[in-house]
Amino acid sequence: MIDAEQAKTLVLRHSEASSQGRERFAIQSCTLSERGDYWIIRANSEDFVVRGIQERCYVGVTAHLVNAVSGQIETVGSARSVDQYLEDKYDVAAAGAMYYVLGPGFGKDDKHAVILLRQKLECSLQQAVKLVLPASSSWLTGTRRTLLHMKAMLLREGISTCIQLRKSPIPAELIDDSVWHWDALKSVLNRVAAK
């Protein structure tokens, strides 16, 4: 297993190679992930870390992950936290060749749920029924983390859903972290209903 000092050395070499030797870097922090499989290392310019010169702070990278066995380095961009990155990575590994798909947690026989779905989506009753039929019950696909957020958003509207692993995501709409409010989610679900 690679120890903390070896992981720090790898990240410093990687960072300095990325800057083509024009910048010296220093380690801000180094911790082991909860599962013990990655060293989470934050590094930045030596001027920023050691001397506190704000103008020398590099942005765009949250952290570097060093595989504790292989030493392979992965860079986590600033768009995601390390926790989100690792969660997505573990979920992909757990899914294997399957896809995470969010669909209804009820069928067409649950008339109350179908009517509520129609009201919340502001679609026709025929479209609402279509959404809960087995052939079109794959609404959304994406990362498990994103689908959990969509599931929570739908539950706040009273709509029961479930996330399953399926061999194919078709006809589900691919959704990402850019959908964070009800109107956007409703629009995506209406596209699914119109297919």
N, C-alpha and C. Protein backbone atom coordinates (compact mmCIF):
# COMPACT_ATOMS: atom_id res chain seq x y z
N MET A 1 0.84 -1.19 0.00
CA MET A 1 0.00 0.00 0.00
C MET A 1 0.88 1.25 0.00
N ILE A 2 0.44 2.25 -0.71
CA ILE A 2 1.16 3.51 -0.78
C ILE A 2 0.85 4.32 0.48
N ASP A 3 1.89 4.82 1.15
CA ASP A 3 1.66 5.60 2.37
C ASP A 3 1.45 7.07 2.01
N ALA A 4 1.14 7.87 3.02
CA ALA A 4 0.81 9.28 2.80
C ALA A 4 1.97 10.05 2.16
N GLU A 5 3.17 9.81 2.61
CA GLU A 5 4.33 10.54 2.06
C GLU A 5 4.55 10.21 0.59
N GLN A 6 4.39 8.94 0.23
CA GLN A 6 4.54 8.55 -1.18
C GLN A 6 3.44 9.21 -2.02
N ALA A 7 2.21 9.24 -1.49
CA ALA A 7 1.09 9.84 -2.21
C ALA A 7 1.33 11.34 -2.41
N LYS A 8 1.82 12.03 -1.39
CA LYS A 8 2.11 13.46 -1.50
C LYS A 8 3.17 13.71 -2.57
N THR A 9 4.21 12.88 -2.57
CA THR A 9 5.28 13.03 -3.56
C THR A 9 4.74 12.85 -4.97
N LEU A 10 3.86 11.85 -5.16
CA LEU A 10 3.26 11.63 -6.48
C LEU A 10 2.46 12.85 -6.94
N VAL A 11 1.68 13.43 -6.03
CA VAL A 11 0.86 14.60 -6.38
C VAL A 11 1.73 15.80 -6.69
N LEU A 12 2.77 16.03 -5.91
CA LEU A 12 3.66 17.16 -6.18
C LEU A 12 4.32 17.00 -7.55
N ARG A 13 4.79 15.82 -7.87
CA ARG A 13 5.40 15.57 -9.19
C ARG A 13 4.38 15.80 -10.31
N HIS A 14 3.17 15.26 -10.10
CA HIS A 14 2.10 15.41 -11.09
C HIS A 14 1.75 16.89 -11.30
N SER A 15 1.61 17.64 -10.22
CA SER A 15 1.24 19.06 -10.30
C SER A 15 2.33 19.87 -10.98
N GLU A 16 3.58 19.61 -10.60
CA GLU A 16 4.68 20.37 -11.20
C GLU A 16 4.87 19.99 -12.67
N ALA A 17 4.64 18.74 -13.00
CA ALA A 17 4.71 18.34 -14.41
C ALA A 17 3.60 19.01 -15.22
N SER A 18 2.42 19.16 -14.62
CA SER A 18 1.30 19.81 -15.30
C SER A 18 1.60 21.27 -15.60
N SER A 19 2.37 21.91 -14.71
CA SER A 19 2.73 23.31 -14.93
C SER A 19 4.03 23.42 -15.72
N GLN A 20 4.53 22.28 -16.20
CA GLN A 20 5.76 22.19 -16.99
C GLN A 20 6.94 22.81 -16.25
N GLY A 21 6.94 22.61 -14.92
CA GLY A 21 8.05 23.06 -14.09
C GLY A 21 8.10 24.54 -13.83
N ARG A 22 7.10 25.28 -14.25
CA ARG A 22 7.10 26.74 -14.05
C ARG A 22 6.65 27.13 -12.65
N GLU A 23 6.09 26.19 -11.91
CA GLU A 23 5.53 26.50 -10.58
C GLU A 23 5.92 25.42 -9.60
N ARG A 24 6.20 25.84 -8.37
CA ARG A 24 6.42 24.89 -7.29
C ARG A 24 5.11 24.76 -6.52
N PHE A 25 4.81 23.55 -6.10
CA PHE A 25 3.56 23.29 -5.39
C PHE A 25 3.85 22.82 -3.97
N ALA A 26 2.83 22.95 -3.12
CA ALA A 26 2.92 22.48 -1.74
C ALA A 26 1.61 21.80 -1.37
N ILE A 27 1.69 20.89 -0.43
CA ILE A 27 0.50 20.14 0.01
C ILE A 27 -0.25 20.94 1.06
N GLN A 28 -1.58 21.07 0.87
CA GLN A 28 -2.43 21.72 1.85
C GLN A 28 -2.95 20.72 2.86
N SER A 29 -3.36 19.54 2.37
CA SER A 29 -3.89 18.51 3.27
C SER A 29 -3.78 17.14 2.61
N CYS A 30 -3.78 16.13 3.45
CA CYS A 30 -3.70 14.75 2.97
C CYS A 30 -4.46 13.87 3.95
N THR A 31 -5.55 13.25 3.48
CA THR A 31 -6.33 12.35 4.33
C THR A 31 -6.66 11.09 3.54
N LEU A 32 -6.94 10.03 4.25
CA LEU A 32 -7.32 8.77 3.63
C LEU A 32 -8.85 8.73 3.53
N SER A 33 -9.37 8.27 2.40
CA SER A 33 -10.83 8.18 2.23
C SER A 33 -11.41 7.21 3.26
N GLU A 34 -12.71 7.32 3.48
CA GLU A 34 -13.39 6.46 4.47
C GLU A 34 -13.16 4.98 4.20
N ARG A 35 -13.14 4.60 2.95
CA ARG A 35 -12.94 3.19 2.59
C ARG A 35 -11.46 2.79 2.59
N GLY A 36 -10.59 3.77 2.76
CA GLY A 36 -9.17 3.48 2.79
C GLY A 36 -8.57 3.16 1.44
N ASP A 37 -9.27 3.53 0.36
CA ASP A 37 -8.79 3.19 -0.97
C ASP A 37 -8.12 4.34 -1.72
N TYR A 38 -8.30 5.56 -1.25
CA TYR A 38 -7.71 6.72 -1.90
C TYR A 38 -7.14 7.69 -0.87
N TRP A 39 -5.99 8.25 -1.21
CA TRP A 39 -5.46 9.39 -0.48
C TRP A 39 -6.07 10.62 -1.12
N ILE A 40 -6.71 11.47 -0.31
CA ILE A 40 -7.32 12.71 -0.80
C ILE A 40 -6.33 13.82 -0.48
N ILE A 41 -5.75 14.37 -1.53
CA ILE A 41 -4.68 15.34 -1.35
C ILE A 41 -5.05 16.66 -2.02
N ARG A 42 -4.97 17.70 -1.23
CA ARG A 42 -5.19 19.05 -1.76
C ARG A 42 -3.83 19.73 -1.85
N ALA A 43 -3.54 20.28 -3.01
CA ALA A 43 -2.26 20.95 -3.23
C ALA A 43 -2.53 22.25 -3.99
N ASN A 44 -1.63 23.19 -3.84
CA ASN A 44 -1.74 24.44 -4.58
C ASN A 44 -0.34 25.02 -4.70
N SER A 45 -0.23 26.20 -5.29
CA SER A 45 1.09 26.78 -5.47
C SER A 45 1.75 26.99 -4.11
N GLU A 46 3.04 26.85 -4.10
CA GLU A 46 3.80 27.04 -2.85
C GLU A 46 3.60 28.47 -2.34
N ASP A 47 3.54 29.44 -3.26
CA ASP A 47 3.32 30.83 -2.85
C ASP A 47 2.00 30.99 -2.10
N PHE A 48 0.98 30.27 -2.53
CA PHE A 48 -0.32 30.37 -1.86
C PHE A 48 -0.33 29.61 -0.54
N VAL A 49 0.11 28.35 -0.57
CA VAL A 49 0.03 27.50 0.62
C VAL A 49 0.98 27.98 1.71
N VAL A 50 2.22 28.26 1.37
CA VAL A 50 3.23 28.58 2.37
C VAL A 50 3.24 30.07 2.72
N ARG A 51 3.09 30.92 1.71
CA ARG A 51 3.25 32.36 1.92
C ARG A 51 1.93 33.11 1.99
N GLY A 52 0.83 32.45 1.64
CA GLY A 52 -0.49 33.08 1.72
C GLY A 52 -0.76 34.14 0.67
N ILE A 53 -0.06 34.09 -0.45
CA ILE A 53 -0.27 35.08 -1.52
C ILE A 53 -1.50 34.65 -2.32
N GLN A 54 -2.61 35.33 -2.09
CA GLN A 54 -3.91 34.95 -2.68
C GLN A 54 -3.87 34.93 -4.21
N GLU A 55 -3.14 35.85 -4.80
CA GLU A 55 -3.09 35.94 -6.26
C GLU A 55 -2.43 34.73 -6.89
N ARG A 56 -1.75 33.92 -6.12
CA ARG A 56 -1.04 32.75 -6.63
C ARG A 56 -1.84 31.46 -6.44
N CYS A 57 -3.08 31.60 -6.02
CA CYS A 57 -3.93 30.42 -5.79
C CYS A 57 -4.44 29.89 -7.13
N TYR A 58 -4.22 28.61 -7.36
CA TYR A 58 -4.75 27.94 -8.54
C TYR A 58 -6.18 27.49 -8.22
N VAL A 59 -7.08 27.68 -9.16
CA VAL A 59 -8.47 27.25 -8.99
C VAL A 59 -8.81 26.23 -10.06
N GLY A 60 -9.90 25.52 -9.85
CA GLY A 60 -10.36 24.55 -10.84
C GLY A 60 -10.19 23.11 -10.41
N VAL A 61 -9.38 22.87 -9.39
CA VAL A 61 -9.18 21.51 -8.89
C VAL A 61 -9.55 21.47 -7.42
N THR A 62 -10.45 20.56 -7.06
CA THR A 62 -10.81 20.39 -5.65
C THR A 62 -9.74 19.59 -4.94
N ALA A 63 -9.32 18.48 -5.54
CA ALA A 63 -8.32 17.62 -4.90
C ALA A 63 -7.79 16.62 -5.92
N HIS A 64 -6.73 15.94 -5.51
CA HIS A 64 -6.19 14.82 -6.28
C HIS A 64 -6.43 13.56 -5.45
N LEU A 65 -6.86 12.51 -6.11
CA LEU A 65 -7.06 11.23 -5.45
C LEU A 65 -5.96 10.30 -5.91
N VAL A 66 -5.26 9.74 -4.94
CA VAL A 66 -4.20 8.80 -5.25
C VAL A 66 -4.67 7.42 -4.81
N ASN A 67 -4.78 6.50 -5.76
CA ASN A 67 -5.18 5.14 -5.43
C ASN A 67 -4.15 4.56 -4.47
N ALA A 68 -4.62 4.11 -3.31
CA ALA A 68 -3.73 3.65 -2.24
C ALA A 68 -2.99 2.37 -2.59
N VAL A 69 -3.41 1.67 -3.64
CA VAL A 69 -2.73 0.45 -4.05
C VAL A 69 -1.85 0.70 -5.28
N SER A 70 -2.44 1.29 -6.32
CA SER A 70 -1.71 1.44 -7.59
C SER A 70 -0.92 2.74 -7.70
N GLY A 71 -1.31 3.76 -6.94
CA GLY A 71 -0.65 5.06 -7.06
C GLY A 71 -1.19 5.91 -8.20
N GLN A 72 -2.19 5.40 -8.91
CA GLN A 72 -2.79 6.16 -10.01
C GLN A 72 -3.45 7.41 -9.44
N ILE A 73 -3.29 8.53 -10.15
CA ILE A 73 -3.83 9.82 -9.70
C ILE A 73 -5.05 10.19 -10.53
N GLU A 74 -6.11 10.61 -9.84
CA GLU A 74 -7.30 11.16 -10.49
C GLU A 74 -7.48 12.56 -9.96
N THR A 75 -7.84 13.48 -10.82
CA THR A 75 -8.05 14.86 -10.42
C THR A 75 -9.54 15.14 -10.35
N VAL A 76 -9.97 15.70 -9.22
CA VAL A 76 -11.37 16.06 -9.02
C VAL A 76 -11.52 17.55 -9.31
N GLY A 77 -12.28 17.88 -10.33
CA GLY A 77 -12.51 19.28 -10.69
C GLY A 77 -13.35 19.99 -9.64
N SER A 78 -13.32 21.30 -9.69
CA SER A 78 -14.01 22.09 -8.66
C SER A 78 -15.53 22.07 -8.81
N ALA A 79 -16.05 21.49 -9.88
CA ALA A 79 -17.51 21.42 -10.05
C ALA A 79 -18.16 20.44 -9.08
N ARG A 80 -17.36 19.50 -8.52
CA ARG A 80 -17.90 18.50 -7.60
C ARG A 80 -17.02 18.42 -6.36
N SER A 81 -17.64 18.02 -5.28
CA SER A 81 -16.86 17.76 -4.07
C SER A 81 -16.21 16.38 -4.19
N VAL A 82 -15.21 16.14 -3.37
CA VAL A 82 -14.57 14.83 -3.35
C VAL A 82 -15.59 13.75 -2.98
N ASP A 83 -16.44 14.05 -2.01
CA ASP A 83 -17.46 13.08 -1.59
C ASP A 83 -18.38 12.71 -2.75
N GLN A 84 -18.82 13.71 -3.52
CA GLN A 84 -19.68 13.43 -4.67
C GLN A 84 -18.94 12.60 -5.72
N TYR A 85 -17.71 12.95 -5.97
CA TYR A 85 -16.89 12.24 -6.96
C TYR A 85 -16.75 10.77 -6.57
N LEU A 86 -16.39 10.54 -5.30
CA LEU A 86 -16.21 9.15 -4.84
C LEU A 86 -17.53 8.39 -4.83
N GLU A 87 -18.61 9.06 -4.41
CA GLU A 87 -19.92 8.40 -4.41
C GLU A 87 -20.29 7.96 -5.82
N ASP A 88 -20.10 8.84 -6.80
CA ASP A 88 -20.40 8.50 -8.19
C ASP A 88 -19.52 7.35 -8.66
N LYS A 89 -18.26 7.39 -8.31
CA LYS A 89 -17.31 6.35 -8.71
C LYS A 89 -17.71 4.99 -8.13
N TYR A 90 -18.05 4.96 -6.85
CA TYR A 90 -18.47 3.71 -6.20
C TYR A 90 -19.79 3.20 -6.79
N ASP A 91 -20.71 4.12 -7.09
CA ASP A 91 -22.00 3.72 -7.67
C ASP A 91 -21.82 3.12 -9.06
N VAL A 92 -20.92 3.70 -9.86
CA VAL A 92 -20.65 3.16 -11.20
C VAL A 92 -20.08 1.76 -11.07
N ALA A 93 -19.17 1.57 -10.13
CA ALA A 93 -18.58 0.24 -9.93
C ALA A 93 -19.65 -0.76 -9.49
N ALA A 94 -20.55 -0.34 -8.62
CA ALA A 94 -21.61 -1.23 -8.14
C ALA A 94 -22.59 -1.59 -9.27
N ALA A 95 -22.83 -0.65 -10.19
CA ALA A 95 -23.78 -0.90 -11.28
C ALA A 95 -23.20 -1.84 -12.33
N GLY A 96 -21.90 -1.86 -12.48
CA GLY A 96 -21.30 -2.70 -13.52
C GLY A 96 -21.74 -2.22 -14.89
N ALA A 97 -22.29 -3.11 -15.69
CA ALA A 97 -22.74 -2.77 -17.04
C ALA A 97 -24.20 -2.30 -17.05
N MET A 98 -24.80 -2.17 -15.88
CA MET A 98 -26.20 -1.76 -15.78
C MET A 98 -26.30 -0.23 -15.66
N TYR A 99 -27.52 0.29 -15.77
CA TYR A 99 -27.80 1.72 -15.69
C TYR A 99 -28.77 1.99 -14.55
N TYR A 100 -28.55 3.08 -13.85
CA TYR A 100 -29.51 3.52 -12.83
C TYR A 100 -30.66 4.22 -13.55
N VAL A 101 -31.87 3.79 -13.22
CA VAL A 101 -33.07 4.35 -13.86
C VAL A 101 -34.10 4.66 -12.78
N LEU A 102 -34.68 5.86 -12.86
CA LEU A 102 -35.75 6.25 -11.94
C LEU A 102 -37.07 6.12 -12.68
N GLY A 103 -38.03 5.51 -12.01
CA GLY A 103 -39.36 5.35 -12.58
C GLY A 103 -40.42 5.42 -11.50
N PRO A 104 -41.66 5.20 -11.86
CA PRO A 104 -42.74 5.32 -10.88
C PRO A 104 -42.67 4.22 -9.82
N GLY A 105 -43.11 4.57 -8.62
CA GLY A 105 -43.20 3.60 -7.53
C GLY A 105 -44.62 3.06 -7.41
N PHE A 106 -45.38 3.19 -8.48
CA PHE A 106 -46.78 2.73 -8.50
C PHE A 106 -47.16 2.37 -9.93
N GLY A 107 -48.27 1.68 -10.07
CA GLY A 107 -48.74 1.26 -11.38
C GLY A 107 -50.01 1.99 -11.79
N LYS A 108 -50.55 1.62 -12.98
CA LYS A 108 -51.75 2.30 -13.50
C LYS A 108 -52.99 2.01 -12.67
N ASP A 109 -52.94 0.94 -11.84
CA ASP A 109 -54.11 0.63 -11.01
C ASP A 109 -54.25 1.56 -9.81
N ASP A 110 -53.19 2.28 -9.46
CA ASP A 110 -53.27 3.25 -8.36
C ASP A 110 -53.78 4.56 -8.92
N LYS A 111 -55.11 4.65 -9.02
CA LYS A 111 -55.75 5.79 -9.68
C LYS A 111 -55.42 7.12 -9.02
N HIS A 112 -55.38 7.12 -7.68
CA HIS A 112 -55.07 8.35 -6.96
C HIS A 112 -53.67 8.85 -7.34
N ALA A 113 -52.69 7.95 -7.39
CA ALA A 113 -51.31 8.33 -7.73
C ALA A 113 -51.21 8.80 -9.18
N VAL A 114 -51.93 8.14 -10.08
CA VAL A 114 -51.91 8.54 -11.49
C VAL A 114 -52.51 9.93 -11.66
N ILE A 115 -53.61 10.19 -10.98
CA ILE A 115 -54.24 11.51 -11.07
C ILE A 115 -53.33 12.59 -10.48
N LEU A 116 -52.69 12.29 -9.36
CA LEU A 116 -51.76 13.24 -8.76
C LEU A 116 -50.59 13.52 -9.72
N LEU A 117 -50.09 12.47 -10.37
CA LEU A 117 -49.02 12.63 -11.35
C LEU A 117 -49.48 13.55 -12.48
N ARG A 118 -50.69 13.32 -12.98
CA ARG A 118 -51.24 14.17 -14.05
C ARG A 118 -51.33 15.62 -13.60
N GLN A 119 -51.81 15.83 -12.37
CA GLN A 119 -51.96 17.20 -11.86
C GLN A 119 -50.60 17.88 -11.69
N LYS A 120 -49.66 17.18 -11.12
CA LYS A 120 -48.35 17.78 -10.84
C LYS A 120 -47.57 18.07 -12.12
N LEU A 121 -47.69 17.18 -13.12
CA LEU A 121 -46.99 17.39 -14.38
C LEU A 121 -47.77 18.29 -15.34
N GLU A 122 -49.05 18.52 -15.01
CA GLU A 122 -49.93 19.31 -15.86
C GLU A 122 -49.96 18.74 -17.27
N CYS A 123 -50.15 17.41 -17.31
CA CYS A 123 -50.22 16.71 -18.60
C CYS A 123 -51.59 16.06 -18.72
N SER A 124 -51.84 15.39 -19.82
CA SER A 124 -53.12 14.71 -20.01
C SER A 124 -53.14 13.43 -19.17
N LEU A 125 -54.35 12.94 -18.90
CA LEU A 125 -54.49 11.68 -18.17
C LEU A 125 -53.87 10.54 -18.97
N GLN A 126 -54.02 10.58 -20.29
CA GLN A 126 -53.44 9.56 -21.15
C GLN A 126 -51.91 9.53 -21.01
N GLN A 127 -51.27 10.71 -20.96
CA GLN A 127 -49.81 10.76 -20.78
C GLN A 127 -49.40 10.25 -19.41
N ALA A 128 -50.17 10.59 -18.38
CA ALA A 128 -49.85 10.13 -17.03
C ALA A 128 -49.94 8.61 -16.95
N VAL A 129 -50.98 8.03 -17.56
CA VAL A 129 -51.12 6.57 -17.57
C VAL A 129 -49.96 5.95 -18.34
N LYS A 130 -49.60 6.55 -19.47
CA LYS A 130 -48.49 6.03 -20.27
C LYS A 130 -47.20 5.99 -19.45
N LEU A 131 -46.97 7.01 -18.62
CA LEU A 131 -45.74 7.08 -17.82
C LEU A 131 -45.60 5.94 -16.81
N VAL A 132 -46.72 5.34 -16.41
CA VAL A 132 -46.65 4.27 -15.41
C VAL A 132 -46.78 2.87 -16.01
N LEU A 133 -46.94 2.80 -17.33
CA LEU A 133 -46.97 1.50 -17.99
C LEU A 133 -45.55 0.93 -18.02
N PRO A 134 -45.39 -0.38 -17.91
CA PRO A 134 -44.05 -0.98 -17.89
C PRO A 134 -43.16 -0.56 -19.07
N ALA A 135 -43.73 -0.42 -20.26
CA ALA A 135 -42.93 -0.09 -21.45
C ALA A 135 -42.32 1.31 -21.38
N SER A 136 -42.94 2.21 -20.62
CA SER A 136 -42.42 3.58 -20.55
C SER A 136 -42.17 4.04 -19.11
N SER A 137 -41.91 3.08 -18.24
CA SER A 137 -41.71 3.43 -16.83
C SER A 137 -40.26 3.77 -16.49
N SER A 138 -39.41 3.88 -17.52
CA SER A 138 -38.04 4.36 -17.32
C SER A 138 -38.05 5.86 -17.59
N TRP A 139 -38.13 6.66 -16.54
CA TRP A 139 -38.26 8.10 -16.71
C TRP A 139 -36.92 8.79 -16.89
N LEU A 140 -36.02 8.56 -15.94
CA LEU A 140 -34.76 9.29 -15.91
C LEU A 140 -33.59 8.33 -15.71
N THR A 141 -32.45 8.68 -16.26
CA THR A 141 -31.23 7.93 -16.02
C THR A 141 -30.12 8.94 -15.77
N GLY A 142 -29.11 8.51 -15.05
CA GLY A 142 -27.99 9.38 -14.70
C GLY A 142 -27.26 8.76 -13.52
N THR A 143 -26.52 9.58 -12.81
CA THR A 143 -25.83 9.05 -11.64
C THR A 143 -26.85 8.72 -10.56
N ARG A 144 -26.53 7.76 -9.74
CA ARG A 144 -27.43 7.39 -8.64
C ARG A 144 -27.66 8.58 -7.72
N ARG A 145 -26.60 9.36 -7.49
CA ARG A 145 -26.69 10.52 -6.61
C ARG A 145 -27.69 11.54 -7.16
N THR A 146 -27.63 11.81 -8.46
CA THR A 146 -28.57 12.74 -9.08
C THR A 146 -29.99 12.20 -9.04
N LEU A 147 -30.14 10.90 -9.31
CA LEU A 147 -31.48 10.31 -9.28
C LEU A 147 -32.06 10.32 -7.87
N LEU A 148 -31.23 10.17 -6.85
CA LEU A 148 -31.73 10.27 -5.47
C LEU A 148 -32.27 11.67 -5.19
N HIS A 149 -31.60 12.67 -5.75
CA HIS A 149 -32.10 14.05 -5.59
C HIS A 149 -33.44 14.21 -6.32
N MET A 150 -33.56 13.66 -7.52
CA MET A 150 -34.82 13.75 -8.28
C MET A 150 -35.94 13.01 -7.53
N LYS A 151 -35.59 11.87 -6.97
CA LYS A 151 -36.56 11.07 -6.19
C LYS A 151 -37.08 11.89 -5.01
N ALA A 152 -36.19 12.58 -4.32
CA ALA A 152 -36.59 13.42 -3.18
C ALA A 152 -37.46 14.59 -3.64
N MET A 153 -37.12 15.18 -4.78
CA MET A 153 -37.91 16.29 -5.31
C MET A 153 -39.32 15.82 -5.67
N LEU A 154 -39.42 14.65 -6.30
CA LEU A 154 -40.73 14.10 -6.66
C LEU A 154 -41.53 13.72 -5.42
N LEU A 155 -40.88 13.20 -4.42
CA LEU A 155 -41.56 12.84 -3.18
C LEU A 155 -42.16 14.07 -2.50
N ARG A 156 -41.46 15.20 -2.57
CA ARG A 156 -42.00 16.45 -2.00
C ARG A 156 -43.29 16.85 -2.70
N GLU A 157 -43.44 16.42 -3.95
CA GLU A 157 -44.67 16.69 -4.71
C GLU A 157 -45.71 15.59 -4.51
N GLY A 158 -45.37 14.57 -3.70
CA GLY A 158 -46.29 13.48 -3.41
C GLY A 158 -46.20 12.32 -4.39
N ILE A 159 -45.19 12.33 -5.27
CA ILE A 159 -45.06 11.31 -6.31
C ILE A 159 -44.03 10.27 -5.86
N SER A 160 -44.50 9.04 -5.72
CA SER A 160 -43.64 7.93 -5.30
C SER A 160 -42.85 7.39 -6.49
N THR A 161 -41.54 7.21 -6.31
CA THR A 161 -40.70 6.68 -7.37
C THR A 161 -39.75 5.63 -6.80
N CYS A 162 -39.07 4.93 -7.69
CA CYS A 162 -38.04 3.98 -7.26
C CYS A 162 -36.89 4.04 -8.25
N ILE A 163 -35.71 3.70 -7.75
CA ILE A 163 -34.51 3.66 -8.59
C ILE A 163 -34.12 2.19 -8.73
N GLN A 164 -33.92 1.78 -9.97
CA GLN A 164 -33.55 0.39 -10.25
C GLN A 164 -32.34 0.36 -11.17
N LEU A 165 -31.67 -0.77 -11.16
CA LEU A 165 -30.61 -1.02 -12.13
C LEU A 165 -31.23 -1.78 -13.29
N ARG A 166 -31.02 -1.28 -14.50
CA ARG A 166 -31.57 -1.94 -15.69
C ARG A 166 -30.48 -2.11 -16.75
N LYS A 167 -30.69 -3.10 -17.61
CA LYS A 167 -29.72 -3.37 -18.67
C LYS A 167 -29.65 -2.24 -19.69
N SER A 168 -30.77 -1.56 -19.89
CA SER A 168 -30.83 -0.47 -20.85
C SER A 168 -31.59 0.70 -20.23
N PRO A 169 -31.14 1.92 -20.46
CA PRO A 169 -31.86 3.07 -19.92
C PRO A 169 -32.98 3.57 -20.83
N ILE A 170 -33.14 2.97 -21.97
CA ILE A 170 -34.14 3.43 -22.95
C ILE A 170 -35.54 3.17 -22.41
N PRO A 171 -36.48 4.07 -22.45
CA PRO A 171 -36.50 5.38 -23.10
C PRO A 171 -36.21 6.54 -22.14
N ALA A 172 -35.54 6.29 -21.04
CA ALA A 172 -35.31 7.31 -20.02
C ALA A 172 -34.52 8.50 -20.57
N GLU A 173 -34.79 9.67 -19.99
CA GLU A 173 -34.05 10.89 -20.32
C GLU A 173 -32.81 10.96 -19.42
N LEU A 174 -31.68 11.26 -20.02
CA LEU A 174 -30.45 11.44 -19.25
C LEU A 174 -30.55 12.77 -18.51
N ILE A 175 -30.31 12.73 -17.21
CA ILE A 175 -30.43 13.93 -16.39
C ILE A 175 -29.12 14.13 -15.64
N ASP A 176 -28.78 15.39 -15.42
CA ASP A 176 -27.54 15.66 -14.69
C ASP A 176 -27.81 16.65 -13.56
N ASP A 177 -26.73 17.13 -12.96
CA ASP A 177 -26.85 18.00 -11.80
C ASP A 177 -27.41 19.39 -12.11
N SER A 178 -27.65 19.69 -13.39
CA SER A 178 -28.15 21.02 -13.74
C SER A 178 -29.65 21.17 -13.44
N VAL A 179 -30.34 20.07 -13.19
CA VAL A 179 -31.77 20.13 -12.89
C VAL A 179 -31.94 20.13 -11.37
N TRP A 180 -32.17 21.32 -10.81
CA TRP A 180 -32.25 21.42 -9.35
C TRP A 180 -33.55 22.05 -8.86
N HIS A 181 -34.52 22.26 -9.74
CA HIS A 181 -35.80 22.82 -9.27
C HIS A 181 -36.96 22.11 -9.97
N TRP A 182 -38.11 22.22 -9.36
CA TRP A 182 -39.28 21.47 -9.79
C TRP A 182 -39.68 21.75 -11.24
N ASP A 183 -39.70 23.01 -11.67
CA ASP A 183 -40.14 23.32 -13.03
C ASP A 183 -39.26 22.64 -14.08
N ALA A 184 -37.95 22.60 -13.84
CA ALA A 184 -37.04 21.93 -14.78
C ALA A 184 -37.30 20.43 -14.81
N LEU A 185 -37.50 19.84 -13.65
CA LEU A 185 -37.78 18.40 -13.59
C LEU A 185 -39.11 18.08 -14.25
N LYS A 186 -40.11 18.91 -14.00
CA LYS A 186 -41.43 18.72 -14.62
C LYS A 186 -41.32 18.78 -16.14
N SER A 187 -40.50 19.69 -16.65
CA SER A 187 -40.30 19.81 -18.09
C SER A 187 -39.67 18.53 -18.66
N VAL A 188 -38.68 17.98 -17.98
CA VAL A 188 -38.04 16.75 -18.43
C VAL A 188 -39.04 15.60 -18.44
N LEU A 189 -39.83 15.48 -17.38
CA LEU A 189 -40.81 14.39 -17.30
C LEU A 189 -41.89 14.53 -18.37
N ASN A 190 -42.24 15.75 -18.71
CA ASN A 190 -43.22 15.96 -19.78
C ASN A 190 -42.64 15.55 -21.13
N ARG A 191 -41.33 15.71 -21.33
CA ARG A 191 -40.69 15.23 -22.56
C ARG A 191 -40.77 13.70 -22.62
N VAL A 192 -40.57 13.05 -21.48
CA VAL A 192 -40.66 11.60 -21.43
C VAL A 192 -42.09 11.17 -21.77
N ALA A 193 -43.06 11.88 -21.22
CA ALA A 193 -44.47 11.53 -21.46
C ALA A 193 -44.87 11.72 -22.92
N ALA A 194 -44.22 12.66 -23.59
CA ALA A 194 -44.56 12.96 -24.99
C ALA A 194 -43.91 11.99 -25.98
N LYS A 195 -42.97 11.18 -25.54
CA LYS A 195 -42.29 10.23 -26.45
C LYS A 195 -43.25 9.21 -27.00
